[in-house]
Amino acid sequence: MLTQPLLALAAIDRELFQSTMTTAGRCPEPGLDAGLRPLLARPGKRLRPALVFAMAACGSEPDRIAAAKCAAALELTHLSSLIHDDLIDRAESRGDLPTLHTSAGLAAAVVGGDYLIAVAGRLVTEVSAEAALIWHQAYADLCVGQARELANSHRTDVTTVDYLAAIRGKTAALMAASCRLGALCGGLGPAEVEAAARFGEAFGMVFQLVDDLMDVVATADSWGKPVGQDVPNGVYTAAVIAALEHADERFQRLFGPSMTPAQVDLVLDRARRIGTGPVLDLIDGYVREAGRELAALPAAPALADLPNTYVTKTLGRAVIVTERVS
């Protein structure tokens, strides 16, 4: 779902990135290594690494080795969070692979996720103390964001502010760190590095808002993965929160840890009708914010239309027409 220029730019250092990540992620314990190896080799969006390389390319003489280490560290951090998320959610598969706790056991998933974090931290430390500090703060923010989401679980009084704070940590923090580290590897100045980080955060918010909306407005066939999963799991995202804001007690009684499929359908139907418009407004706001921050950077053709293109192409796969509701 990346734009073609960004894909092309990421491909310039794809081999260096992949070898750096695979080497760092190799575990000396054979059993755990066997469980981790398929996850490290699985093709994915590689969005965070692509952002590192794209931002580094804004500089006149980017440090390719440093960029590869930062990109690998961020992808390893992302993979670690997915391993732990799958364990929390008790998911049996991700994409076409069994989850680590399914293939290797619960303990292996805990230790494996922790191991990837450890080697990610080592990689950024090899770049610089500043890079390590940026990575550590992003990882702490990710943990806080996930904790906020857990604290909001099954709360029908959760607000949009609560939700945005959670996704700012669990998703946008790593996107911001990707752009900040990429800008550092490109040799950009302090003001430009900060603008890059703000762009990454805004795009991270766009990315998660779109992903969460697709859980409401898409089908499994159109989205390529299960949908309608957040509500029964007690994760109430922006469209559902908008539907709850002016709901009566009858609607609120539909929610709970033991929702039936029929109750879930009623909630999703109201979320589509009432919540889609407010979510699209939020997305538009973050797309504009990303554009303003990008304007403060040297030429970045690979990033210029990334937020808007991602929104358009992704929501184009929605089955329910995502029009604003007055």
C-alpha atoms as a PDB file:
ATOM      1  CA  MET A   1       0.000   0.000   0.000  1.00  0.00           C
ATOM      2  CA  LEU A   2       3.054   2.250  -0.154  1.00  0.00           C
ATOM      3  CA  THR A   3       3.384   4.683  -3.016  1.00  0.00           C
ATOM      4  CA  GLN A   4       5.591   3.436  -5.836  1.00  0.00           C
ATOM      5  CA  PRO A   5       8.352   6.063  -5.290  1.00  0.00           C
ATOM      6  CA  LEU A   6       8.631   5.077  -1.633  1.00  0.00           C
ATOM      7  CA  LEU A   7       8.740   1.398  -2.558  1.00  0.00           C
ATOM      8  CA  ALA A   8      11.497   2.123  -5.077  1.00  0.00           C
ATOM      9  CA  LEU A   9      13.489   4.118  -2.536  1.00  0.00           C
ATOM     10  CA  ALA A  10      13.112   1.414   0.102  1.00  0.00           C
ATOM     11  CA  ALA A  11      14.294  -1.157  -2.434  1.00  0.00           C
ATOM     12  CA  ILE A  12      17.626   0.651  -2.831  1.00  0.00           C
ATOM     13  CA  ASP A  13      18.733  -0.601   0.592  1.00  0.00           C
ATOM     14  CA  ARG A  14      16.362  -3.544   0.940  1.00  0.00           C
ATOM     15  CA  GLU A  15      19.159  -6.134   0.817  1.00  0.00           C
ATOM     16  CA  LEU A  16      21.292  -4.240   3.334  1.00  0.00           C
ATOM     17  CA  PHE A  17      18.280  -3.765   5.619  1.00  0.00           C
ATOM     18  CA  GLN A  18      17.202  -7.414   5.422  1.00  0.00           C
ATOM     19  CA  SER A  19      20.694  -8.768   6.080  1.00  0.00           C
ATOM     20  CA  THR A  20      21.132  -6.369   9.010  1.00  0.00           C
ATOM     21  CA  MET A  21      17.826  -7.389  10.562  1.00  0.00           C
ATOM     22  CA  THR A  22      18.282 -11.114   9.973  1.00  0.00           C
ATOM     23  CA  THR A  23      21.784 -11.144  11.405  1.00  0.00           C
ATOM     24  CA  ALA A  24      20.765  -9.132  14.468  1.00  0.00           C
ATOM     25  CA  GLY A  25      17.667 -11.270  15.055  1.00  0.00           C
ATOM     26  CA  ARG A  26      19.514 -14.597  14.927  1.00  0.00           C
ATOM     27  CA  CYS A  27      19.165 -16.322  18.300  1.00  0.00           C
ATOM     28  CA  PRO A  28      21.913 -18.643  19.612  1.00  0.00           C
ATOM     29  CA  GLU A  29      19.276 -20.949  21.110  1.00  0.00           C
ATOM     30  CA  PRO A  30      18.258 -23.207  18.175  1.00  0.00           C
ATOM     31  CA  GLY A  31      14.666 -23.818  19.240  1.00  0.00           C
ATOM     32  CA  LEU A  32      13.781 -20.150  19.646  1.00  0.00           C
ATOM     33  CA  ASP A  33      15.745 -19.247  16.527  1.00  0.00           C
ATOM     34  CA  ALA A  34      13.657 -21.720  14.523  1.00  0.00           C
ATOM     35  CA  GLY A  35      10.487 -20.017  15.720  1.00  0.00           C
ATOM     36  CA  LEU A  36      11.732 -16.490  15.028  1.00  0.00           C
ATOM     37  CA  ARG A  37      13.339 -17.107  11.639  1.00  0.00           C
ATOM     38  CA  PRO A  38      10.080 -17.307   9.605  1.00  0.00           C
ATOM     39  CA  LEU A  39       8.840 -14.079  11.219  1.00  0.00           C
ATOM     40  CA  LEU A  40      12.025 -12.240  10.263  1.00  0.00           C
ATOM     41  CA  ALA A  41      11.849 -13.513   6.682  1.00  0.00           C
ATOM     42  CA  ARG A  42       8.122 -12.900   6.145  1.00  0.00           C
ATOM     43  CA  PRO A  43       7.454 -10.190   3.537  1.00  0.00           C
ATOM     44  CA  GLY A  44       5.559  -7.239   4.929  1.00  0.00           C
ATOM     45  CA  LYS A  45       4.897  -3.556   4.376  1.00  0.00           C
ATOM     46  CA  ARG A  46       8.288  -2.695   5.892  1.00  0.00           C
ATOM     47  CA  LEU A  47       6.778   0.742   6.349  1.00  0.00           C
ATOM     48  CA  ARG A  48       8.951   1.868   9.244  1.00  0.00           C
ATOM     49  CA  PRO A  49      12.216   0.925   7.481  1.00  0.00           C
ATOM     50  CA  ALA A  50      10.992   2.628   4.305  1.00  0.00           C
ATOM     51  CA  LEU A  51      10.343   5.819   6.276  1.00  0.00           C
ATOM     52  CA  VAL A  52      13.862   5.700   7.703  1.00  0.00           C
ATOM     53  CA  PHE A  53      15.428   5.411   4.252  1.00  0.00           C
ATOM     54  CA  ALA A  54      13.106   8.004   2.708  1.00  0.00           C
ATOM     55  CA  MET A  55      13.927  10.573   5.378  1.00  0.00           C
ATOM     56  CA  ALA A  56      17.640   9.779   5.206  1.00  0.00           C
ATOM     57  CA  ALA A  57      17.506  10.422   1.459  1.00  0.00           C
ATOM     58  CA  CYS A  58      16.466  14.021   2.195  1.00  0.00           C
ATOM     59  CA  GLY A  59      20.062  14.663   3.240  1.00  0.00           C
ATOM     60  CA  SER A  60      22.915  15.256   0.832  1.00  0.00           C
ATOM     61  CA  GLU A  61      25.082  12.345   2.072  1.00  0.00           C
ATOM     62  CA  PRO A  62      22.960   9.840   4.028  1.00  0.00           C
ATOM     63  CA  ASP A  63      24.733   7.255   6.186  1.00  0.00           C
ATOM     64  CA  ARG A  64      23.470   3.990   4.656  1.00  0.00           C
ATOM     65  CA  ILE A  65      24.872   1.729   7.372  1.00  0.00           C
ATOM     66  CA  ALA A  66      23.382   3.801  10.174  1.00  0.00           C
ATOM     67  CA  ALA A  67      20.051   3.979   8.322  1.00  0.00           C
ATOM     68  CA  ALA A  68      20.028   0.200   7.878  1.00  0.00           C
ATOM     69  CA  LYS A  69      20.692  -0.355  11.578  1.00  0.00           C
ATOM     70  CA  CYS A  70      17.967   2.089  12.610  1.00  0.00           C
ATOM     71  CA  ALA A  71      15.536   0.582  10.100  1.00  0.00           C
ATOM     72  CA  ALA A  72      16.273  -2.941  11.319  1.00  0.00           C
ATOM     73  CA  ALA A  73      15.892  -1.885  14.961  1.00  0.00           C
ATOM     74  CA  LEU A  74      12.487  -0.349  14.306  1.00  0.00           C
ATOM     75  CA  GLU A  75      11.239  -3.358  12.345  1.00  0.00           C
ATOM     76  CA  LEU A  76      12.457  -5.723  15.084  1.00  0.00           C
ATOM     77  CA  THR A  77      10.618  -3.572  17.633  1.00  0.00           C
ATOM     78  CA  HIS A  78       7.482  -3.727  15.512  1.00  0.00           C
ATOM     79  CA  LEU A  79       7.766  -7.517  15.164  1.00  0.00           C
ATOM     80  CA  SER A  80       8.249  -7.844  18.916  1.00  0.00           C
ATOM     81  CA  SER A  81       5.075  -5.857  19.542  1.00  0.00           C
ATOM     82  CA  LEU A  82       3.153  -8.076  17.107  1.00  0.00           C
ATOM     83  CA  ILE A  83       4.358 -11.229  18.889  1.00  0.00           C
ATOM     84  CA  HIS A  84       3.157  -9.851  22.210  1.00  0.00           C
ATOM     85  CA  ASP A  85      -0.093  -8.481  20.710  1.00  0.00           C
ATOM     86  CA  ASP A  86      -0.882 -11.896  19.235  1.00  0.00           C
ATOM     87  CA  LEU A  87      -0.249 -13.472  22.612  1.00  0.00           C
ATOM     88  CA  ILE A  88      -2.573 -10.990  24.345  1.00  0.00           C
ATOM     89  CA  ASP A  89      -5.249 -11.493  21.670  1.00  0.00           C
ATOM     90  CA  ARG A  90      -4.722 -15.281  21.542  1.00  0.00           C
ATOM     91  CA  ALA A  91      -4.497 -15.048  17.766  1.00  0.00           C
ATOM     92  CA  GLU A  92      -3.632 -18.307  16.022  1.00  0.00           C
ATOM     93  CA  SER A  93      -2.142 -16.831  12.863  1.00  0.00           C
ATOM     94  CA  ARG A  94      -0.883 -13.616  11.343  1.00  0.00           C
ATOM     95  CA  GLY A  95      -0.964 -13.488   7.583  1.00  0.00           C
ATOM     96  CA  ASP A  96      -0.065 -16.942   6.333  1.00  0.00           C
ATOM     97  CA  LEU A  97       2.053 -17.936   9.347  1.00  0.00           C
ATOM     98  CA  PRO A  98       1.107 -19.370  12.745  1.00  0.00           C
ATOM     99  CA  THR A  99       1.787 -16.973  15.606  1.00  0.00           C
ATOM    100  CA  LEU A 100       4.852 -17.702  17.714  1.00  0.00           C
ATOM    101  CA  HIS A 101       2.892 -18.765  20.791  1.00  0.00           C
ATOM    102  CA  THR A 102       0.976 -21.195  18.570  1.00  0.00           C
ATOM    103  CA  SER A 103       4.066 -22.700  16.942  1.00  0.00           C
ATOM    104  CA  ALA A 104       6.498 -22.587  19.875  1.00  0.00           C
ATOM    105  CA  GLY A 105       4.428 -22.048  23.037  1.00  0.00           C
ATOM    106  CA  LEU A 106       3.465 -19.185  25.346  1.00  0.00           C
ATOM    107  CA  ALA A 107       6.833 -18.936  27.094  1.00  0.00           C
ATOM    108  CA  ALA A 108       8.703 -18.855  23.783  1.00  0.00           C
ATOM    109  CA  ALA A 109       6.511 -15.981  22.581  1.00  0.00           C
ATOM    110  CA  VAL A 110       7.249 -13.921  25.701  1.00  0.00           C
ATOM    111  CA  VAL A 111      10.988 -14.615  25.533  1.00  0.00           C
ATOM    112  CA  GLY A 112      11.131 -14.272  21.732  1.00  0.00           C
ATOM    113  CA  GLY A 113       9.455 -10.876  21.772  1.00  0.00           C
ATOM    114  CA  ASP A 114      11.795  -9.740  24.541  1.00  0.00           C
ATOM    115  CA  TYR A 115      14.821 -11.027  22.628  1.00  0.00           C
ATOM    116  CA  LEU A 116      13.934  -8.996  19.529  1.00  0.00           C
ATOM    117  CA  ILE A 117      13.638  -5.869  21.680  1.00  0.00           C
ATOM    118  CA  ALA A 118      17.049  -6.535  23.193  1.00  0.00           C
ATOM    119  CA  VAL A 119      18.800  -6.848  19.830  1.00  0.00           C
ATOM    120  CA  ALA A 120      16.925  -3.823  18.479  1.00  0.00           C
ATOM    121  CA  GLY A 121      18.285  -1.760  21.360  1.00  0.00           C
ATOM    122  CA  ARG A 122      21.794  -2.992  20.632  1.00  0.00           C
ATOM    123  CA  LEU A 123      21.533  -1.912  16.988  1.00  0.00           C
ATOM    124  CA  VAL A 124      20.572   1.691  17.725  1.00  0.00           C
ATOM    125  CA  THR A 125      23.237   1.895  20.421  1.00  0.00           C
ATOM    126  CA  GLU A 126      25.795   1.033  17.727  1.00  0.00           C
ATOM    127  CA  VAL A 127      24.599   4.094  15.755  1.00  0.00           C
ATOM    128  CA  SER A 128      24.826   6.737  18.502  1.00  0.00           C
ATOM    129  CA  ALA A 129      23.712   7.606  22.006  1.00  0.00           C
ATOM    130  CA  GLU A 130      21.154  10.016  20.504  1.00  0.00           C
ATOM    131  CA  ALA A 131      19.699   7.285  18.291  1.00  0.00           C
ATOM    132  CA  ALA A 132      19.470   4.956  21.277  1.00  0.00           C
ATOM    133  CA  LEU A 133      17.636   7.597  23.328  1.00  0.00           C
ATOM    134  CA  ILE A 134      15.133   8.177  20.509  1.00  0.00           C
ATOM    135  CA  TRP A 135      14.495   4.449  20.184  1.00  0.00           C
ATOM    136  CA  HIS A 136      14.119   3.889  23.940  1.00  0.00           C
ATOM    137  CA  GLN A 137      11.601   6.732  24.230  1.00  0.00           C
ATOM    138  CA  ALA A 138       9.593   5.402  21.280  1.00  0.00           C
ATOM    139  CA  TYR A 139       9.508   1.924  22.798  1.00  0.00           C
ATOM    140  CA  ALA A 140       8.381   3.327  26.150  1.00  0.00           C
ATOM    141  CA  ASP A 141       5.651   5.322  24.353  1.00  0.00           C
ATOM    142  CA  LEU A 142       4.551   2.171  22.522  1.00  0.00           C
ATOM    143  CA  CYS A 143       4.178   0.310  25.830  1.00  0.00           C
ATOM    144  CA  VAL A 144       2.206   3.181  27.370  1.00  0.00           C
ATOM    145  CA  GLY A 145      -0.067   3.314  24.315  1.00  0.00           C
ATOM    146  CA  GLN A 146      -0.763  -0.404  24.553  1.00  0.00           C
ATOM    147  CA  ALA A 147      -1.414  -0.069  28.289  1.00  0.00           C
ATOM    148  CA  ARG A 148      -3.899   2.735  27.590  1.00  0.00           C
ATOM    149  CA  GLU A 149      -5.712   0.562  25.078  1.00  0.00           C
ATOM    150  CA  LEU A 150      -5.945  -2.229  27.634  1.00  0.00           C
ATOM    151  CA  ALA A 151      -7.195   0.208  30.281  1.00  0.00           C
ATOM    152  CA  ASN A 152      -9.899   1.397  27.855  1.00  0.00           C
ATOM    153  CA  SER A 153     -11.037  -2.154  27.116  1.00  0.00           C
ATOM    154  CA  HIS A 154     -14.840  -2.613  27.220  1.00  0.00           C
ATOM    155  CA  ARG A 155     -15.341   0.981  28.453  1.00  0.00           C
ATOM    156  CA  THR A 156     -18.435   2.500  26.870  1.00  0.00           C
ATOM    157  CA  ASP A 157     -17.446   5.861  28.378  1.00  0.00           C
ATOM    158  CA  VAL A 158     -14.124   5.938  26.509  1.00  0.00           C
ATOM    159  CA  THR A 159     -13.618   9.224  24.651  1.00  0.00           C
ATOM    160  CA  THR A 160     -12.025  10.094  21.336  1.00  0.00           C
ATOM    161  CA  VAL A 161      -9.265  11.828  23.301  1.00  0.00           C
ATOM    162  CA  ASP A 162      -8.580   8.569  25.186  1.00  0.00           C
ATOM    163  CA  TYR A 163      -8.490   6.632  21.927  1.00  0.00           C
ATOM    164  CA  LEU A 164      -6.179   9.094  20.151  1.00  0.00           C
ATOM    165  CA  ALA A 165      -3.768   9.056  23.107  1.00  0.00           C
ATOM    166  CA  ALA A 166      -3.587   5.258  22.900  1.00  0.00           C
ATOM    167  CA  ILE A 167      -2.878   5.093  19.172  1.00  0.00           C
ATOM    168  CA  ARG A 168      -0.397   7.963  19.394  1.00  0.00           C
ATOM    169  CA  GLY A 169       1.684   5.686  21.591  1.00  0.00           C
ATOM    170  CA  LYS A 170       1.081   2.246  20.171  1.00  0.00           C
ATOM    171  CA  THR A 171       1.438   3.214  16.480  1.00  0.00           C
ATOM    172  CA  ALA A 172       2.462   6.827  15.851  1.00  0.00           C
ATOM    173  CA  ALA A 173       5.452   6.757  18.224  1.00  0.00           C
ATOM    174  CA  LEU A 174       7.385   4.255  16.100  1.00  0.00           C
ATOM    175  CA  MET A 175       6.469   6.111  12.895  1.00  0.00           C
ATOM    176  CA  ALA A 176       7.753   9.354  14.439  1.00  0.00           C
ATOM    177  CA  ALA A 177      10.941   7.621  15.571  1.00  0.00           C
ATOM    178  CA  SER A 178      11.426   6.162  12.076  1.00  0.00           C
ATOM    179  CA  CYS A 179      11.334   9.612  10.523  1.00  0.00           C
ATOM    180  CA  ARG A 180      13.394  11.225  13.271  1.00  0.00           C
ATOM    181  CA  LEU A 181      16.125   8.575  13.020  1.00  0.00           C
ATOM    182  CA  GLY A 182      16.056   8.725   9.217  1.00  0.00           C
ATOM    183  CA  ALA A 183      16.506  12.492   9.312  1.00  0.00           C
ATOM    184  CA  LEU A 184      19.461  12.086  11.666  1.00  0.00           C
ATOM    185  CA  CYS A 185      21.030   9.504   9.351  1.00  0.00           C
ATOM    186  CA  GLY A 186      20.588  11.999   6.509  1.00  0.00           C
ATOM    187  CA  GLY A 187      22.464  14.699   8.418  1.00  0.00           C
ATOM    188  CA  LEU A 188      19.503  17.100   8.609  1.00  0.00           C
ATOM    189  CA  GLY A 189      19.519  20.005  11.049  1.00  0.00           C
ATOM    190  CA  PRO A 190      17.675  20.059  14.410  1.00  0.00           C
ATOM    191  CA  ALA A 191      14.605  21.929  13.127  1.00  0.00           C
ATOM    192  CA  GLU A 192      14.310  19.576  10.160  1.00  0.00           C
ATOM    193  CA  VAL A 193      14.680  16.515  12.379  1.00  0.00           C
ATOM    194  CA  GLU A 194      11.796  17.766  14.544  1.00  0.00           C
ATOM    195  CA  ALA A 195       9.642  18.429  11.471  1.00  0.00           C
ATOM    196  CA  ALA A 196      10.413  14.917  10.223  1.00  0.00           C
ATOM    197  CA  ALA A 197       9.321  13.455  13.553  1.00  0.00           C
ATOM    198  CA  ARG A 198       6.070  15.432  13.509  1.00  0.00           C
ATOM    199  CA  PHE A 199       5.400  14.216   9.957  1.00  0.00           C
ATOM    200  CA  GLY A 200       5.944  10.636  11.113  1.00  0.00           C
ATOM    201  CA  GLU A 201       3.582  11.055  14.045  1.00  0.00           C
ATOM    202  CA  ALA A 202       0.857  12.575  11.863  1.00  0.00           C
ATOM    203  CA  PHE A 203       1.208   9.804   9.298  1.00  0.00           C
ATOM    204  CA  GLY A 204       1.151   7.225  12.091  1.00  0.00           C
ATOM    205  CA  MET A 205      -2.165   8.643  13.283  1.00  0.00           C
ATOM    206  CA  VAL A 206      -3.524   8.474   9.713  1.00  0.00           C
ATOM    207  CA  PHE A 207      -2.320   4.895   9.363  1.00  0.00           C
ATOM    208  CA  GLN A 208      -3.996   3.656  12.561  1.00  0.00           C
ATOM    209  CA  LEU A 209      -7.227   5.617  12.055  1.00  0.00           C
ATOM    210  CA  VAL A 210      -7.578   4.121   8.569  1.00  0.00           C
ATOM    211  CA  ASP A 211      -6.742   0.622   9.798  1.00  0.00           C
ATOM    212  CA  ASP A 212      -9.313   0.863  12.578  1.00  0.00           C
ATOM    213  CA  LEU A 213     -11.958   2.258  10.228  1.00  0.00           C
ATOM    214  CA  MET A 214     -11.425  -0.636   7.830  1.00  0.00           C
ATOM    215  CA  ASP A 215     -12.337  -3.028  10.656  1.00  0.00           C
ATOM    216  CA  VAL A 216     -15.764  -1.357  10.567  1.00  0.00           C
ATOM    217  CA  VAL A 217     -16.371  -0.664   6.865  1.00  0.00           C
ATOM    218  CA  ALA A 218     -14.599  -3.515   5.028  1.00  0.00           C
ATOM    219  CA  THR A 219     -15.163  -7.227   4.576  1.00  0.00           C
ATOM    220  CA  ALA A 220     -12.560  -9.917   5.146  1.00  0.00           C
ATOM    221  CA  ASP A 221     -12.309 -10.444   1.369  1.00  0.00           C
ATOM    222  CA  SER A 222     -11.807  -6.767   0.547  1.00  0.00           C
ATOM    223  CA  TRP A 223      -9.383  -6.115   3.423  1.00  0.00           C
ATOM    224  CA  GLY A 224      -7.492  -9.385   3.235  1.00  0.00           C
ATOM    225  CA  LYS A 225      -7.784 -10.160   6.936  1.00  0.00           C
ATOM    226  CA  PRO A 226     -10.562 -10.665   9.508  1.00  0.00           C
ATOM    227  CA  VAL A 227     -12.763  -7.636  10.209  1.00  0.00           C
ATOM    228  CA  GLY A 228     -15.276  -6.759  12.898  1.00  0.00           C
ATOM    229  CA  GLN A 229     -12.800  -7.984  15.503  1.00  0.00           C
ATOM    230  CA  ASP A 230     -12.273  -4.880  17.627  1.00  0.00           C
ATOM    231  CA  VAL A 231     -15.755  -4.518  19.109  1.00  0.00           C
ATOM    232  CA  PRO A 232     -16.140  -8.056  20.494  1.00  0.00           C
ATOM    233  CA  ASN A 233     -12.580  -7.794  21.862  1.00  0.00           C
ATOM    234  CA  GLY A 234     -13.546  -4.654  23.775  1.00  0.00           C
ATOM    235  CA  VAL A 235     -11.452  -2.297  21.642  1.00  0.00           C
ATOM    236  CA  TYR A 236     -13.700   0.650  20.790  1.00  0.00           C
ATOM    237  CA  THR A 237     -12.160   2.733  18.022  1.00  0.00           C
ATOM    238  CA  ALA A 238     -13.101   6.170  16.705  1.00  0.00           C
ATOM    239  CA  ALA A 239     -16.180   5.221  14.654  1.00  0.00           C
ATOM    240  CA  VAL A 240     -17.658   3.197  17.517  1.00  0.00           C
ATOM    241  CA  ILE A 241     -16.856   5.926  20.043  1.00  0.00           C
ATOM    242  CA  ALA A 242     -18.666   8.452  17.832  1.00  0.00           C
ATOM    243  CA  ALA A 243     -21.674   6.129  17.745  1.00  0.00           C
ATOM    244  CA  LEU A 244     -21.581   5.860  21.547  1.00  0.00           C
ATOM    245  CA  GLU A 245     -21.406   9.598  22.188  1.00  0.00           C
ATOM    246  CA  HIS A 246     -25.116  10.176  21.652  1.00  0.00           C
ATOM    247  CA  ALA A 247     -26.352   6.638  22.274  1.00  0.00           C
ATOM    248  CA  ASP A 248     -29.228   5.691  24.537  1.00  0.00           C
ATOM    249  CA  GLU A 249     -29.052   3.023  27.236  1.00  0.00           C
ATOM    250  CA  ARG A 250     -30.504   0.426  24.891  1.00  0.00           C
ATOM    251  CA  PHE A 251     -27.568   0.789  22.523  1.00  0.00           C
ATOM    252  CA  GLN A 252     -25.027   0.799  25.345  1.00  0.00           C
ATOM    253  CA  ARG A 253     -26.467  -2.469  26.670  1.00  0.00           C
ATOM    254  CA  LEU A 254     -25.355  -4.173  23.452  1.00  0.00           C
ATOM    255  CA  PHE A 255     -21.730  -3.929  24.626  1.00  0.00           C
ATOM    256  CA  GLY A 256     -19.916  -6.337  26.907  1.00  0.00           C
ATOM    257  CA  PRO A 257     -17.392  -9.175  27.119  1.00  0.00           C
ATOM    258  CA  SER A 258     -19.929 -11.724  25.838  1.00  0.00           C
ATOM    259  CA  MET A 259     -21.468  -9.985  22.822  1.00  0.00           C
ATOM    260  CA  THR A 260     -23.383 -12.123  20.361  1.00  0.00           C
ATOM    261  CA  PRO A 261     -22.710 -11.851  16.617  1.00  0.00           C
ATOM    262  CA  ALA A 262     -26.084 -10.109  16.239  1.00  0.00           C
ATOM    263  CA  GLN A 263     -25.139  -7.499  18.838  1.00  0.00           C
ATOM    264  CA  VAL A 264     -21.814  -6.897  17.133  1.00  0.00           C
ATOM    265  CA  ASP A 265     -23.594  -6.383  13.806  1.00  0.00           C
ATOM    266  CA  LEU A 266     -25.942  -3.797  15.350  1.00  0.00           C
ATOM    267  CA  VAL A 267     -23.008  -1.871  16.824  1.00  0.00           C
ATOM    268  CA  LEU A 268     -21.056  -1.937  13.553  1.00  0.00           C
ATOM    269  CA  ASP A 269     -24.093  -0.805  11.566  1.00  0.00           C
ATOM    270  CA  ARG A 270     -24.536   2.243  13.814  1.00  0.00           C
ATOM    271  CA  ALA A 271     -20.793   2.934  13.728  1.00  0.00           C
ATOM    272  CA  ARG A 272     -20.869   2.946   9.916  1.00  0.00           C
ATOM    273  CA  ARG A 273     -23.839   5.304   9.764  1.00  0.00           C
ATOM    274  CA  ILE A 274     -22.809   7.726  12.516  1.00  0.00           C
ATOM    275  CA  GLY A 275     -19.094   7.282  13.035  1.00  0.00           C
ATOM    276  CA  THR A 276     -17.620   7.191   9.536  1.00  0.00           C
ATOM    277  CA  GLY A 277     -17.885  10.946   8.907  1.00  0.00           C
ATOM    278  CA  PRO A 278     -16.169  12.036  12.146  1.00  0.00           C
ATOM    279  CA  VAL A 279     -13.351   9.546  11.545  1.00  0.00           C
ATOM    280  CA  LEU A 280     -12.801  10.837   8.005  1.00  0.00           C
ATOM    281  CA  ASP A 281     -12.609  14.359   9.433  1.00  0.00           C
ATOM    282  CA  LEU A 282      -9.919  13.238  11.883  1.00  0.00           C
ATOM    283  CA  ILE A 283      -7.998  11.561   9.072  1.00  0.00           C
ATOM    284  CA  ASP A 284      -8.211  14.682   6.900  1.00  0.00           C
ATOM    285  CA  GLY A 285      -6.820  16.773   9.747  1.00  0.00           C
ATOM    286  CA  TYR A 286      -3.785  14.548  10.228  1.00  0.00           C
ATOM    287  CA  VAL A 287      -3.180  14.364   6.462  1.00  0.00           C
ATOM    288  CA  ARG A 288      -3.049  18.174   6.364  1.00  0.00           C
ATOM    289  CA  GLU A 289      -0.750  18.243   9.397  1.00  0.00           C
ATOM    290  CA  ALA A 290       1.619  15.787   7.704  1.00  0.00           C
ATOM    291  CA  GLY A 291       1.702  17.984   4.619  1.00  0.00           C
ATOM    292  CA  ARG A 292       2.572  21.095   6.631  1.00  0.00           C
ATOM    293  CA  GLU A 293       5.490  19.354   8.344  1.00  0.00           C
ATOM    294  CA  LEU A 294       6.802  17.900   5.097  1.00  0.00           C
ATOM    295  CA  ALA A 295       6.935  21.403   3.619  1.00  0.00           C
ATOM    296  CA  ALA A 296       9.634  22.292   6.163  1.00  0.00           C
ATOM    297  CA  LEU A 297      11.955  19.543   4.853  1.00  0.00           C
ATOM    298  CA  PRO A 298      14.280  19.346   1.849  1.00  0.00           C
ATOM    299  CA  ALA A 299      12.736  17.741  -1.228  1.00  0.00           C
ATOM    300  CA  ALA A 300      11.169  14.410  -0.273  1.00  0.00           C
ATOM    301  CA  PRO A 301       9.441  13.110  -3.420  1.00  0.00           C
ATOM    302  CA  ALA A 302       8.971   9.621  -1.980  1.00  0.00           C
ATOM    303  CA  LEU A 303       6.935  11.062   0.897  1.00  0.00           C
ATOM    304  CA  ALA A 304       5.111  13.942  -0.770  1.00  0.00           C
ATOM    305  CA  ASP A 305       1.738  12.289  -1.266  1.00  0.00           C
ATOM    306  CA  LEU A 306       2.145   9.275   1.003  1.00  0.00           C
ATOM    307  CA  PRO A 307      -0.584  10.050   3.598  1.00  0.00           C
ATOM    308  CA  ASN A 308      -3.254  11.002   1.041  1.00  0.00           C
ATOM    309  CA  THR A 309      -2.408   8.114  -1.276  1.00  0.00           C
ATOM    310  CA  TYR A 310      -2.515   5.632   1.603  1.00  0.00           C
ATOM    311  CA  VAL A 311      -5.945   6.874   2.651  1.00  0.00           C
ATOM    312  CA  THR A 312      -7.358   6.827  -0.882  1.00  0.00           C
ATOM    313  CA  LYS A 313      -6.051   3.409  -1.854  1.00  0.00           C
ATOM    314  CA  THR A 314      -6.912   1.733   1.440  1.00  0.00           C
ATOM    315  CA  LEU A 315     -10.423   3.113   1.833  1.00  0.00           C
ATOM    316  CA  GLY A 316     -11.002   2.304  -1.822  1.00  0.00           C
ATOM    317  CA  ARG A 317     -11.089  -1.326  -0.681  1.00  0.00           C
ATOM    318  CA  ALA A 318     -13.943  -0.664   1.738  1.00  0.00           C
ATOM    319  CA  VAL A 319     -17.251  -2.272   0.829  1.00  0.00           C
ATOM    320  CA  ILE A 320     -19.356   0.252   2.723  1.00  0.00           C
ATOM    321  CA  VAL A 321     -19.232   3.677   1.068  1.00  0.00           C
ATOM    322  CA  THR A 322     -17.294   5.928   3.437  1.00  0.00           C
ATOM    323  CA  GLU A 323     -19.175   9.191   3.029  1.00  0.00           C
ATOM    324  CA  ARG A 324     -19.545  11.844   5.709  1.00  0.00           C
ATOM    325  CA  VAL A 325     -22.838  11.705   7.532  1.00  0.00           C
ATOM    326  CA  SER A 326     -24.348  15.042   8.514  1.00  0.00           C
END
